Amino acid sequence: MHYYPHHIGDFNAATRHLNRLERSIYRDLIELYYETEAPIGLDLDRVCRRILATSDEERSAARDVLTEYFTRTDAGWTHPRCEEELAKYRRMSSGGSAGAAKRWAKDSPPIAPPSPPDAQASRGAYSNQEPITKNQEPNTLPPSEVVPQAKPGAPDCPHGEIVDLYHECCPTLARVMVLSPKRQGLIRQRWREVWSDLKWDRAGGLVWFREFFEKVQQSDFLTGRAKTGRPWQADLEWLMLPTNFVKVAESRYNH
């Protein structure tokens, strides 16, 4: 699940008594829940590692938030609102797949059953009563009417998987909460541009983008670790802009 509805009023009403750190930890836990589409694990050390809660204060806040807002079960820490939204998401996904299958079945022509052997033999005996001679010309179309075969193009852009790679490789950068049409367009343009040079398959393209995001995470400037001027961090939309994309790909920010 790449994005989820955030109801500001509900969230503020439920967390007004929390301090800023606890509110931030709560958002991180909710996003982890939606990202994995599963309850939060019971291993607190692992959970804190996933949400970058490293100090004693942050770990204590994570423990308090889990206890107050989540329910401990054998499967992990569950959250009623998250489970409700995930159920809606799964129903929509299931409905979309079923609808596509139904449309495919409707649009596909029926497949005729094979003819019995006797009928095939009968047709073979009488379908061509005149012998083929060397003087007969093959039945071919003139060059002007021959339809050229389509050249293979770039594989369909896996927007969601590229966003997942960004989250995995660049955990300190701003997360993508809404995969808007504009962002999808930017990702698709960069995908096709790189494919036009390298001609990789879908798996090769995902490997290339993983290496791209790893370069981003290694850059002090792009991740805000550089101690120069006003603190700033890149985000996915900035990285997918044409000029910025080329500079990162060419390792111009590797410092």
Protein backbone atom coordinates (compact mmCIF):
# COMPACT_ATOMS: atom_id res chain seq x y z
CA MET A 1 0.00 0.00 0.00
CA HIS A 2 1.75 3.13 -1.24
CA TYR A 3 -0.49 5.82 0.25
CA TYR A 4 -3.33 6.14 2.76
CA PRO A 5 -5.95 8.75 3.75
CA HIS A 6 -4.82 10.94 6.64
CA HIS A 7 -7.73 12.54 8.49
CA ILE A 8 -6.16 15.57 10.14
CA GLY A 9 -9.03 16.31 12.51
CA ASP A 10 -9.25 12.74 13.79
CA PHE A 11 -5.49 12.50 14.23
CA ASN A 12 -5.22 15.80 16.09
CA ALA A 13 -8.13 14.96 18.37
CA ALA A 14 -6.63 11.59 19.28
CA THR A 15 -3.07 12.84 19.84
CA ARG A 16 -3.51 16.34 21.29
CA HIS A 17 -2.07 15.22 24.63
CA LEU A 18 1.12 13.79 23.06
CA ASN A 19 4.34 15.73 22.74
CA ARG A 20 5.94 16.35 19.35
CA LEU A 21 8.21 13.33 19.57
CA GLU A 22 5.37 10.99 20.45
CA ARG A 23 3.20 12.35 17.61
CA SER A 24 6.06 11.83 15.18
CA ILE A 25 6.64 8.28 16.42
CA TYR A 26 2.92 7.54 16.10
CA ARG A 27 2.93 8.69 12.44
CA ASP A 28 6.00 6.56 11.74
CA LEU A 29 4.32 3.48 13.23
CA ILE A 30 1.15 4.05 11.23
CA GLU A 31 3.14 4.43 8.01
CA LEU A 32 5.10 1.27 8.77
CA TYR A 33 1.79 -0.55 9.30
CA TYR A 34 0.45 0.57 5.90
CA GLU A 35 3.75 -0.01 4.12
CA THR A 36 4.02 -3.63 5.29
CA GLU A 37 0.23 -4.20 5.26
CA ALA A 38 0.64 -6.12 8.50
CA PRO A 39 0.58 -5.57 12.28
CA ILE A 40 3.65 -4.04 13.92
CA GLY A 41 6.08 -6.74 15.07
CA LEU A 42 6.46 -7.57 18.74
CA ASP A 43 10.26 -7.20 18.68
CA LEU A 44 10.67 -3.64 19.96
CA ASP A 45 14.33 -3.45 18.93
CA ARG A 46 13.47 -4.34 15.35
CA VAL A 47 10.52 -1.93 15.29
CA CYS A 48 12.66 0.94 16.59
CA ARG A 49 15.27 0.18 13.96
CA ARG A 50 12.64 0.34 11.21
CA ILE A 51 11.38 3.77 12.32
CA LEU A 52 14.87 5.10 13.18
CA ALA A 53 14.12 5.44 16.91
CA THR A 54 17.63 5.13 18.33
CA SER A 55 17.80 7.19 21.53
CA ASP A 56 16.38 6.05 24.86
CA GLU A 57 13.79 8.83 24.68
CA GLU A 58 12.64 7.75 21.21
CA ARG A 59 12.47 4.08 22.20
CA SER A 60 10.45 4.96 25.30
CA ALA A 61 8.06 7.02 23.16
CA ALA A 62 7.64 4.13 20.73
CA ARG A 63 6.83 1.75 23.61
CA ASP A 64 4.28 4.19 25.11
CA VAL A 65 2.56 4.84 21.76
CA LEU A 66 2.30 1.13 20.98
CA THR A 67 0.76 0.46 24.39
CA GLU A 68 -1.76 3.33 24.12
CA TYR A 69 -2.91 3.12 20.49
CA PHE A 70 -2.25 -0.47 19.40
CA THR A 71 -3.50 -3.84 20.66
CA ARG A 72 -0.98 -6.60 21.35
CA THR A 73 -1.89 -9.92 19.72
CA ASP A 74 -0.02 -13.07 18.75
CA ALA A 75 0.32 -11.64 15.23
CA GLY A 76 1.75 -8.34 16.49
CA TRP A 77 0.51 -4.89 17.47
CA THR A 78 -2.77 -4.26 15.62
CA HIS A 79 -4.53 -0.96 14.99
CA PRO A 80 -8.30 -0.81 14.25
CA ARG A 81 -8.17 2.16 11.85
CA CYS A 82 -5.25 0.70 9.92
CA GLU A 83 -7.01 -2.65 9.62
CA GLU A 84 -10.15 -0.90 8.38
CA GLU A 85 -8.27 1.01 5.66
CA LEU A 86 -6.30 -2.08 4.63
CA ALA A 87 -9.54 -4.06 4.29
CA LYS A 88 -10.93 -1.36 1.97
CA TYR A 89 -7.73 -1.37 -0.04
CA ARG A 90 -7.78 -5.15 -0.45
CA ARG A 91 -11.45 -5.13 -1.51
CA MET A 92 -10.69 -2.52 -4.14
CA SER A 93 -7.65 -4.44 -5.38
CA SER A 94 -9.61 -7.68 -5.53
CA GLY A 95 -12.51 -5.99 -7.29
CA GLY A 96 -10.20 -4.41 -9.84
CA SER A 97 -8.55 -7.74 -10.66
CA ALA A 98 -11.90 -9.49 -10.99
CA GLY A 99 -13.22 -6.70 -13.22
CA ALA A 100 -10.17 -6.89 -15.48
CA ALA A 101 -10.53 -10.66 -15.79
CA LYS A 102 -14.22 -10.26 -16.66
CA ARG A 103 -13.50 -7.64 -19.32
CA TRP A 104 -10.75 -9.82 -20.77
CA ALA A 105 -13.10 -12.80 -21.01
CA LYS A 106 -15.76 -10.61 -22.62
CA ASP A 107 -13.45 -9.08 -25.20
CA SER A 108 -11.62 -12.29 -26.13
CA PRO A 109 -13.13 -14.22 -29.07
CA PRO A 110 -14.33 -17.76 -28.34
CA ILE A 111 -11.90 -20.53 -29.24
CA ALA A 112 -13.40 -22.97 -31.74
CA PRO A 113 -13.13 -26.64 -30.80
CA PRO A 114 -10.81 -28.75 -32.98
CA SER A 115 -12.41 -30.53 -35.91
CA PRO A 116 -12.69 -34.33 -35.84
CA PRO A 117 -9.91 -36.15 -37.66
CA ASP A 118 -12.32 -37.42 -40.35
CA ALA A 119 -13.51 -33.90 -41.11
CA GLN A 120 -9.94 -32.64 -41.36
CA ALA A 121 -9.03 -35.45 -43.70
CA SER A 122 -12.12 -34.76 -45.80
CA ARG A 123 -11.28 -31.09 -46.16
CA GLY A 124 -7.68 -31.96 -47.01
CA ALA A 125 -8.83 -34.28 -49.82
CA TYR A 126 -11.10 -31.80 -51.61
CA SER A 127 -10.01 -28.29 -50.59
CA ASN A 128 -7.43 -28.00 -53.41
CA GLN A 129 -8.35 -30.10 -56.45
CA GLU A 130 -5.70 -28.60 -58.79
CA PRO A 131 -2.01 -29.42 -58.39
CA ILE A 132 0.39 -26.61 -57.56
CA THR A 133 2.87 -25.98 -60.36
CA LYS A 134 6.05 -23.95 -60.59
CA ASN A 135 4.26 -21.37 -62.75
CA GLN A 136 1.83 -20.46 -59.99
CA GLU A 137 2.76 -17.34 -57.98
CA PRO A 138 2.50 -17.35 -54.18
CA ASN A 139 -0.34 -15.33 -52.68
CA THR A 140 1.58 -12.37 -51.26
CA LEU A 141 0.64 -8.76 -50.49
CA PRO A 142 2.32 -5.88 -52.29
CA PRO A 143 5.00 -4.12 -50.18
CA SER A 144 2.77 -1.09 -49.69
CA GLU A 145 0.17 -3.22 -47.88
CA VAL A 146 2.53 -5.17 -45.64
CA VAL A 147 2.07 -4.10 -42.00
CA PRO A 148 5.47 -3.96 -40.22
CA GLN A 149 5.76 -5.74 -36.89
CA ALA A 150 5.82 -3.41 -33.87
CA LYS A 151 9.22 -2.95 -32.32
CA PRO A 152 9.46 -3.87 -28.64
CA GLY A 153 9.32 -0.86 -26.35
CA ALA A 154 10.20 -0.15 -22.75
CA PRO A 155 8.57 -2.42 -20.15
CA ASP A 156 5.66 -0.87 -18.31
CA CYS A 157 6.92 1.45 -15.60
CA PRO A 158 6.54 -0.15 -12.12
CA HIS A 159 5.81 3.11 -10.28
CA GLY A 160 4.99 1.47 -6.96
CA GLU A 161 8.10 -0.70 -6.89
CA ILE A 162 10.32 2.28 -7.68
CA VAL A 163 8.72 4.19 -4.78
CA ASP A 164 9.36 1.14 -2.57
CA LEU A 165 13.04 1.16 -3.59
CA TYR A 166 13.23 4.85 -2.74
CA HIS A 167 11.80 4.19 0.74
CA GLU A 168 14.10 1.20 1.28
CA CYS A 169 17.34 2.81 0.07
CA CYS A 170 16.69 6.36 1.36
CA PRO A 171 15.00 5.85 4.77
CA THR A 172 16.04 9.32 6.02
CA LEU A 173 14.36 11.23 3.18
CA ALA A 174 10.74 12.38 3.06
CA ARG A 175 8.35 9.51 2.39
CA VAL A 176 5.95 9.51 -0.55
CA MET A 177 2.48 9.83 0.96
CA VAL A 178 0.58 10.40 -2.31
CA LEU A 179 1.68 8.96 -5.66
CA SER A 180 0.04 11.72 -7.69
CA PRO A 181 -0.33 11.67 -11.51
CA LYS A 182 2.44 14.28 -11.74
CA ARG A 183 4.84 12.09 -9.77
CA GLN A 184 3.88 9.02 -11.77
CA GLY A 185 4.59 10.96 -14.96
CA LEU A 186 8.04 12.02 -13.77
CA ILE A 187 8.95 8.47 -12.76
CA ARG A 188 7.67 7.07 -16.07
CA GLN A 189 9.66 9.62 -18.11
CA ARG A 190 12.91 8.80 -16.31
CA TRP A 191 12.21 5.04 -16.66
CA ARG A 192 11.80 5.35 -20.44
CA GLU A 193 14.80 7.64 -20.84
CA VAL A 194 17.15 5.21 -19.13
CA TRP A 195 15.64 2.26 -21.02
CA SER A 196 16.25 4.00 -24.36
CA ASP A 197 20.00 3.94 -23.59
CA LEU A 198 20.40 0.59 -21.83
CA LYS A 199 17.51 -1.54 -23.17
CA TRP A 200 17.23 -3.59 -19.98
CA ASP A 201 14.25 -5.71 -19.01
CA ARG A 202 11.96 -4.90 -16.09
CA ALA A 203 14.17 -6.64 -13.51
CA GLY A 204 17.27 -4.91 -14.85
CA GLY A 205 15.50 -1.56 -14.63
CA LEU A 206 14.69 -2.07 -10.96
CA VAL A 207 18.33 -2.97 -10.28
CA TRP A 208 19.39 0.26 -12.00
CA PHE A 209 17.00 2.37 -9.90
CA ARG A 210 18.15 0.65 -6.71
CA GLU A 211 21.72 1.69 -7.51
CA PHE A 212 20.48 5.20 -8.29
CA PHE A 213 18.80 5.57 -4.87
CA GLU A 214 21.84 4.08 -3.14
CA LYS A 215 23.88 6.93 -4.65
CA VAL A 216 21.36 9.38 -3.19
CA GLN A 217 21.67 7.89 0.30
CA GLN A 218 25.47 8.08 0.11
CA SER A 219 25.39 11.82 -0.65
CA ASP A 220 25.78 14.11 2.36
CA PHE A 221 24.31 16.98 0.36
CA LEU A 222 21.15 15.15 -0.81
CA THR A 223 20.44 13.65 2.62
CA GLY A 224 21.01 16.86 4.60
CA ARG A 225 24.11 15.57 6.38
CA ALA A 226 26.33 18.29 4.89
CA LYS A 227 27.11 21.03 7.44
CA THR A 228 26.81 23.88 4.96
CA GLY A 229 24.16 26.59 4.94
CA ARG A 230 20.50 25.93 5.52
CA PRO A 231 19.55 22.26 6.18
CA TRP A 232 17.88 20.66 3.15
CA GLN A 233 17.01 17.20 1.89
CA ALA A 234 16.02 15.93 -1.52
CA ASP A 235 12.73 14.09 -2.02
CA LEU A 236 11.50 11.73 -4.73
CA GLU A 237 9.86 14.43 -6.86
CA TRP A 238 13.03 16.55 -6.81
CA LEU A 239 15.15 13.51 -7.74
CA MET A 240 12.92 12.70 -10.73
CA LEU A 241 13.22 16.17 -12.29
CA PRO A 242 15.27 15.83 -15.52
CA THR A 243 18.32 17.93 -14.59
CA ASN A 244 18.57 16.61 -11.04
CA PHE A 245 18.12 13.02 -12.20
CA VAL A 246 21.05 13.27 -14.61
CA LYS A 247 23.32 14.84 -11.98
CA VAL A 248 22.59 12.08 -9.47
CA ALA A 249 23.04 9.36 -12.11
CA GLU A 250 26.42 10.86 -13.01
CA SER A 251 27.47 10.88 -9.32
CA ARG A 252 27.86 14.67 -9.20
CA TYR A 253 26.51 14.77 -5.63
CA ASN A 254 28.79 12.04 -4.24
CA HIS A 255 30.38 14.07 -1.47
